[in-house]
Amino acid sequence: MSVLRRLFGRKKKRKDEDAETERHLPASVESAGSTSVVDETRPSTTVAVPRGVPPPMGYLVTSSEDLKIDEEETAKLAKEAHIYPQTTAEIVPGRVLKRDDQGRIHIKLVFYGPSLSGKTTALRWLFANVRSLSKGKIVEISDELGRTTYFDFIPVTASKGIVFDVFTVAGQRRHARSRITVLKDTDGLIFMADSRPEAMNENLASIQELRIALGTDRIATMPIILALNKRDLPNALPIDYMVRMLDVEGFPVFSTIATEGTSLLRMFQRILRDALIFKVGI
């Protein structure tokens, strides 16, 4: 596990990350040295707001009709993908492990979120920059515009005995079947949200779909991290506002800029650690 120790011990020295936020809500589980940052109110724009959540000053409210996900159809797709409620054995670390013919343990990580939120961009940056891990060839299945149409995949070897299979999913709504299929047997998940106001509807629809597909029990126990991406944009929504809108209080939150790699390494370190503890118990 020496490679893992090097990975987790590696410290970023980039100046622009000093102001970045790694939030662990509620405050009782905040890590030492973490800083809570709230964006300033952005210029007037249009967002969708669930009932009971007040919008920030200067924002307009749109109809929430296009947020709706067909719960029955989504549940049907999850059943077809063989995503069932967790068994007792699955909750116990080390009891249900996936091994290949070499005896290596495979841990599946998935980048989930709406189209164009930055999932593939983040995976490409990690592939190019995390040199302390042995990586296989990145596999991308995309359309003529470079958008993922099924999934992107890269195997990451952390040690002789553990392999992280890292996937991204297609974010467009028409790819719901393939996206939910990729979710099967996931051991850790990064939900990548788009910070642009005009993307908030798709963020909400995507996380609603995720909750239905995985079910309450898996959402409650699986390591899940929220990445608020595109934080460099001048109209990026406030962090606290997005957390309330997405109803993700209690999950680790990272403020990211995938095109520059900002906070991606810390985010990846966190999901590797949490997935190892969740699945293997180390």
Protein backbone atom coordinates (compact mmCIF):
# COMPACT_ATOMS: atom_id res chain seq x y z
CA MET A 1 0.00 0.00 0.00
CA SER A 2 3.01 2.27 -0.29
CA VAL A 3 1.60 3.80 -3.48
CA LEU A 4 -1.59 4.72 -1.66
CA ARG A 5 0.41 6.31 1.13
CA ARG A 6 2.27 8.41 -1.41
CA LEU A 7 -0.99 9.41 -3.05
CA PHE A 8 -2.76 10.35 0.16
CA GLY A 9 0.36 12.05 1.52
CA ARG A 10 0.84 14.21 -1.51
CA LYS A 11 0.12 17.87 -0.85
CA LYS A 12 -0.89 20.41 -3.43
CA LYS A 13 1.00 23.67 -3.43
CA ARG A 14 -0.94 25.55 -6.05
CA LYS A 15 -1.72 29.03 -4.89
CA ASP A 16 -5.18 29.14 -6.41
CA GLU A 17 -6.34 26.26 -4.20
CA ASP A 18 -5.74 28.22 -1.02
CA ALA A 19 -9.13 29.82 -1.49
CA GLU A 20 -10.91 26.66 -2.56
CA THR A 21 -13.49 25.02 -0.32
CA GLU A 22 -13.64 21.46 0.88
CA ARG A 23 -16.79 21.41 2.94
CA HIS A 24 -17.93 18.60 5.20
CA LEU A 25 -21.46 19.22 6.38
CA PRO A 26 -22.64 19.23 9.09
CA ALA A 27 -19.99 21.14 11.00
CA SER A 28 -19.57 18.33 13.52
CA VAL A 29 -17.71 16.26 10.91
CA GLU A 30 -15.58 19.01 9.37
CA SER A 31 -11.95 18.11 8.93
CA ALA A 32 -9.28 20.14 10.66
CA GLY A 33 -8.16 23.14 8.65
CA SER A 34 -11.10 23.11 6.23
CA THR A 35 -12.53 26.49 5.32
CA SER A 36 -16.11 27.42 4.61
CA VAL A 37 -16.45 29.78 1.65
CA VAL A 38 -19.64 31.34 0.35
CA ASP A 39 -19.65 33.00 -3.07
CA GLU A 40 -20.82 36.59 -3.36
CA THR A 41 -24.25 37.12 -4.87
CA ARG A 42 -24.00 36.93 -8.65
CA PRO A 43 -25.71 39.15 -11.26
CA SER A 44 -29.40 38.60 -11.92
CA THR A 45 -30.17 35.42 -13.87
CA THR A 46 -32.77 32.67 -13.98
CA VAL A 47 -32.77 29.43 -11.98
CA ALA A 48 -35.30 26.84 -10.88
CA VAL A 49 -36.02 26.62 -7.16
CA PRO A 50 -37.74 23.71 -5.36
CA ARG A 51 -40.61 24.61 -3.07
CA GLY A 52 -39.44 25.88 0.30
CA VAL A 53 -35.96 26.94 -0.85
CA PRO A 54 -35.65 30.72 -1.19
CA PRO A 55 -33.48 31.93 -4.09
CA PRO A 56 -30.53 34.25 -3.45
CA MET A 57 -31.19 37.97 -3.83
CA GLY A 58 -31.12 39.00 -7.48
CA TYR A 59 -32.21 35.63 -8.93
CA LEU A 60 -35.42 34.97 -10.80
CA VAL A 61 -37.44 31.77 -10.44
CA THR A 62 -38.55 29.56 -13.34
CA SER A 63 -41.09 26.76 -13.54
CA SER A 64 -39.95 23.42 -12.19
CA GLU A 65 -41.93 21.39 -14.74
CA ASP A 66 -38.83 20.42 -16.75
CA LEU A 67 -37.16 19.07 -13.61
CA LYS A 68 -39.47 16.11 -13.45
CA ILE A 69 -38.03 12.64 -13.85
CA ASP A 70 -40.30 9.71 -14.63
CA GLU A 71 -39.92 7.81 -11.36
CA GLU A 72 -41.61 4.69 -12.65
CA GLU A 73 -39.46 4.50 -15.79
CA THR A 74 -36.26 5.23 -13.85
CA ALA A 75 -37.07 2.53 -11.30
CA LYS A 76 -37.78 0.13 -14.17
CA LEU A 77 -34.39 0.88 -15.76
CA ALA A 78 -32.68 0.32 -12.40
CA LYS A 79 -34.41 -3.05 -12.06
CA GLU A 80 -33.35 -4.02 -15.58
CA ALA A 81 -29.78 -3.07 -14.63
CA HIS A 82 -30.08 -5.37 -11.58
CA ILE A 83 -29.69 -2.54 -9.07
CA TYR A 84 -31.43 -3.89 -5.99
CA PRO A 85 -31.63 -2.85 -2.33
CA GLN A 86 -28.44 -3.60 -0.42
CA THR A 87 -28.03 -6.88 1.38
CA THR A 88 -26.66 -7.01 4.90
CA ALA A 89 -23.44 -8.58 3.60
CA GLU A 90 -22.84 -5.66 1.21
CA ILE A 91 -22.86 -3.17 4.07
CA VAL A 92 -20.13 -5.02 5.97
CA PRO A 93 -16.62 -4.05 4.68
CA GLY A 94 -14.72 -6.97 3.23
CA ARG A 95 -17.70 -9.32 2.94
CA VAL A 96 -18.64 -8.80 -0.74
CA LEU A 97 -15.60 -8.15 -2.92
CA LYS A 98 -15.12 -8.27 -6.69
CA ARG A 99 -11.90 -10.08 -7.70
CA ASP A 100 -10.35 -10.76 -11.09
CA ASP A 101 -8.52 -13.92 -12.16
CA GLN A 102 -5.33 -12.55 -10.60
CA GLY A 103 -7.01 -12.20 -7.22
CA ARG A 104 -6.99 -8.40 -7.31
CA ILE A 105 -9.88 -6.52 -5.67
CA HIS A 106 -11.81 -4.22 -8.04
CA ILE A 107 -13.49 -1.10 -6.69
CA LYS A 108 -15.84 0.75 -9.05
CA LEU A 109 -15.99 4.55 -9.00
CA VAL A 110 -18.42 6.57 -11.13
CA PHE A 111 -18.52 10.25 -12.15
CA TYR A 112 -22.24 11.08 -12.41
CA GLY A 113 -24.01 14.29 -13.38
CA PRO A 114 -25.68 16.21 -16.21
CA SER A 115 -24.29 16.63 -19.71
CA LEU A 116 -21.37 19.05 -20.09
CA SER A 117 -20.84 19.37 -16.32
CA GLY A 118 -17.15 18.39 -16.68
CA LYS A 119 -17.07 14.66 -15.89
CA THR A 120 -14.90 13.59 -18.84
CA THR A 121 -12.71 16.70 -18.51
CA ALA A 122 -12.03 15.77 -14.88
CA LEU A 123 -11.22 12.16 -15.79
CA ARG A 124 -8.81 13.28 -18.51
CA TRP A 125 -7.02 15.64 -16.11
CA LEU A 126 -6.63 12.92 -13.51
CA PHE A 127 -5.38 10.49 -16.15
CA ALA A 128 -2.72 12.98 -17.24
CA ASN A 129 -1.65 14.28 -13.84
CA VAL A 130 -1.93 11.59 -11.13
CA ARG A 131 1.47 9.99 -11.74
CA SER A 132 1.66 8.10 -8.45
CA LEU A 133 -0.93 5.63 -9.73
CA SER A 134 -0.44 3.04 -12.44
CA LYS A 135 -3.10 3.61 -15.07
CA GLY A 136 -4.39 1.60 -17.99
CA LYS A 137 -5.53 3.03 -21.31
CA ILE A 138 -8.40 5.49 -21.15
CA VAL A 139 -11.43 4.35 -23.14
CA GLU A 140 -13.81 7.03 -24.43
CA ILE A 141 -17.07 6.45 -26.31
CA SER A 142 -18.27 9.84 -27.55
CA ASP A 143 -20.16 11.57 -30.36
CA GLU A 144 -18.83 13.95 -33.01
CA LEU A 145 -18.99 16.83 -30.51
CA GLY A 146 -16.89 14.96 -27.94
CA ARG A 147 -19.81 14.28 -25.58
CA THR A 148 -19.91 10.89 -23.89
CA THR A 149 -22.53 8.61 -25.46
CA TYR A 150 -22.11 5.54 -23.24
CA PHE A 151 -19.22 5.84 -20.79
CA ASP A 152 -15.55 6.70 -20.38
CA PHE A 153 -13.42 4.21 -18.49
CA ILE A 154 -9.95 3.92 -17.02
CA PRO A 155 -8.52 1.22 -14.71
CA VAL A 156 -6.31 2.67 -11.96
CA THR A 157 -4.00 0.35 -10.02
CA ALA A 158 -3.31 1.54 -6.49
CA SER A 159 -1.28 -1.50 -5.45
CA LYS A 160 -0.66 -5.07 -6.57
CA GLY A 161 -3.91 -6.12 -4.95
CA ILE A 162 -6.38 -3.28 -5.66
CA VAL A 163 -7.70 -1.81 -8.92
CA PHE A 164 -10.04 1.18 -9.12
CA ASP A 165 -12.28 1.00 -12.20
CA VAL A 166 -13.18 4.65 -12.87
CA PHE A 167 -16.16 5.45 -15.12
CA THR A 168 -17.98 8.54 -16.31
CA VAL A 169 -21.52 8.37 -17.67
CA ALA A 170 -23.34 10.05 -20.53
CA GLY A 171 -25.21 13.02 -19.09
CA GLN A 172 -27.82 13.64 -21.79
CA ARG A 173 -31.30 12.58 -20.72
CA ARG A 174 -31.77 10.33 -23.74
CA HIS A 175 -28.95 8.11 -22.46
CA ALA A 176 -30.72 7.23 -19.20
CA ARG A 177 -30.65 3.49 -19.90
CA SER A 178 -26.90 3.28 -20.48
CA ARG A 179 -26.20 5.70 -17.61
CA ILE A 180 -28.17 3.65 -15.09
CA THR A 181 -26.59 0.43 -16.38
CA VAL A 182 -23.14 1.83 -15.58
CA LEU A 183 -24.33 2.50 -12.00
CA LYS A 184 -24.60 -1.22 -11.23
CA ASP A 185 -22.10 -2.40 -8.57
CA THR A 186 -20.79 1.13 -7.93
CA ASP A 187 -18.66 1.39 -4.77
CA GLY A 188 -18.14 5.17 -4.73
CA LEU A 189 -19.58 8.11 -6.66
CA ILE A 190 -18.66 11.68 -7.55
CA PHE A 191 -21.66 13.80 -8.53
CA MET A 192 -20.36 16.60 -10.73
CA ALA A 193 -22.72 19.57 -10.79
CA ASP A 194 -22.52 22.47 -13.23
CA SER A 195 -22.33 25.83 -11.40
CA ARG A 196 -23.96 27.81 -14.23
CA PRO A 197 -27.45 29.08 -13.35
CA GLU A 198 -28.84 27.84 -16.67
CA ALA A 199 -27.63 24.31 -15.83
CA MET A 200 -29.37 24.08 -12.45
CA ASN A 201 -32.47 22.38 -13.85
CA GLU A 202 -30.31 19.59 -15.29
CA ASN A 203 -28.35 19.29 -12.02
CA LEU A 204 -31.61 18.76 -10.13
CA ALA A 205 -32.98 16.31 -12.67
CA SER A 206 -29.75 14.30 -12.65
CA ILE A 207 -29.51 13.98 -8.88
CA GLN A 208 -33.21 13.09 -8.68
CA GLU A 209 -32.61 10.30 -11.20
CA LEU A 210 -29.60 9.12 -9.20
CA ARG A 211 -31.61 8.90 -5.98
CA ILE A 212 -34.36 6.88 -7.66
CA ALA A 213 -31.96 4.53 -9.45
CA LEU A 214 -29.76 3.75 -6.44
CA GLY A 215 -32.47 3.77 -3.82
CA THR A 216 -32.48 5.24 -0.35
CA ASP A 217 -30.31 2.57 1.25
CA ARG A 218 -27.44 2.85 -1.23
CA ILE A 219 -27.54 6.65 -1.20
CA ALA A 220 -27.30 6.54 2.61
CA THR A 221 -24.33 4.18 2.81
CA MET A 222 -22.29 4.58 -0.39
CA PRO A 223 -19.39 7.09 -0.40
CA ILE A 224 -20.68 10.05 -2.43
CA ILE A 225 -18.86 13.32 -3.09
CA LEU A 226 -20.31 16.48 -4.59
CA ALA A 227 -18.12 18.43 -7.01
CA LEU A 228 -19.38 21.93 -7.83
CA ASN A 229 -17.61 22.51 -11.12
CA LYS A 230 -16.91 25.60 -13.24
CA ARG A 231 -16.32 27.80 -10.20
CA ASP A 232 -14.21 30.17 -12.32
CA LEU A 233 -17.25 31.45 -14.20
CA PRO A 234 -18.40 34.96 -13.22
CA ASN A 235 -22.04 33.88 -12.88
CA ALA A 236 -21.39 30.69 -10.89
CA LEU A 237 -24.14 30.07 -8.34
CA PRO A 238 -23.23 30.43 -4.64
CA ILE A 239 -21.91 27.23 -3.06
CA ASP A 240 -24.29 27.17 -0.08
CA TYR A 241 -27.22 27.81 -2.40
CA MET A 242 -26.31 24.87 -4.66
CA VAL A 243 -25.92 22.57 -1.64
CA ARG A 244 -29.42 23.51 -0.43
CA MET A 245 -30.94 23.21 -3.89
CA LEU A 246 -29.45 19.76 -4.47
CA ASP A 247 -30.31 18.67 -0.92
CA VAL A 248 -26.84 17.26 -0.26
CA GLU A 249 -26.17 18.46 3.26
CA GLY A 250 -23.94 15.90 4.91
CA PHE A 251 -21.88 15.01 1.84
CA PRO A 252 -18.28 16.21 1.26
CA VAL A 253 -18.34 19.15 -1.17
CA PHE A 254 -15.48 20.25 -3.42
CA SER A 255 -15.33 23.45 -5.43
CA THR A 256 -13.65 22.51 -8.71
CA ILE A 257 -12.42 23.86 -12.05
CA ALA A 258 -11.95 20.73 -14.15
CA THR A 259 -10.27 22.53 -17.06
CA GLU A 260 -7.48 23.67 -14.72
CA GLY A 261 -7.46 20.67 -12.38
CA THR A 262 -8.39 22.80 -9.37
CA SER A 263 -9.27 20.58 -6.37
CA LEU A 264 -9.52 17.45 -8.54
CA LEU A 265 -6.63 15.66 -6.86
CA ARG A 266 -8.00 16.26 -3.34
CA MET A 267 -11.43 15.18 -4.51
CA PHE A 268 -10.03 11.98 -6.05
CA GLN A 269 -7.97 11.22 -2.95
CA ARG A 270 -11.11 11.53 -0.84
CA ILE A 271 -13.23 9.17 -2.95
CA LEU A 272 -10.39 6.61 -3.12
CA ARG A 273 -10.03 6.66 0.66
CA ASP A 274 -13.77 6.53 1.37
CA ALA A 275 -14.36 3.73 -1.15
CA LEU A 276 -11.51 1.67 0.32
CA ILE A 277 -12.92 2.03 3.82
CA PHE A 278 -16.47 1.32 2.61
CA LYS A 279 -15.61 -1.73 0.53
CA VAL A 280 -12.49 -3.26 2.05
CA GLY A 281 -12.42 -1.75 5.54
CA ILE A 282 -8.81 -0.47 5.43
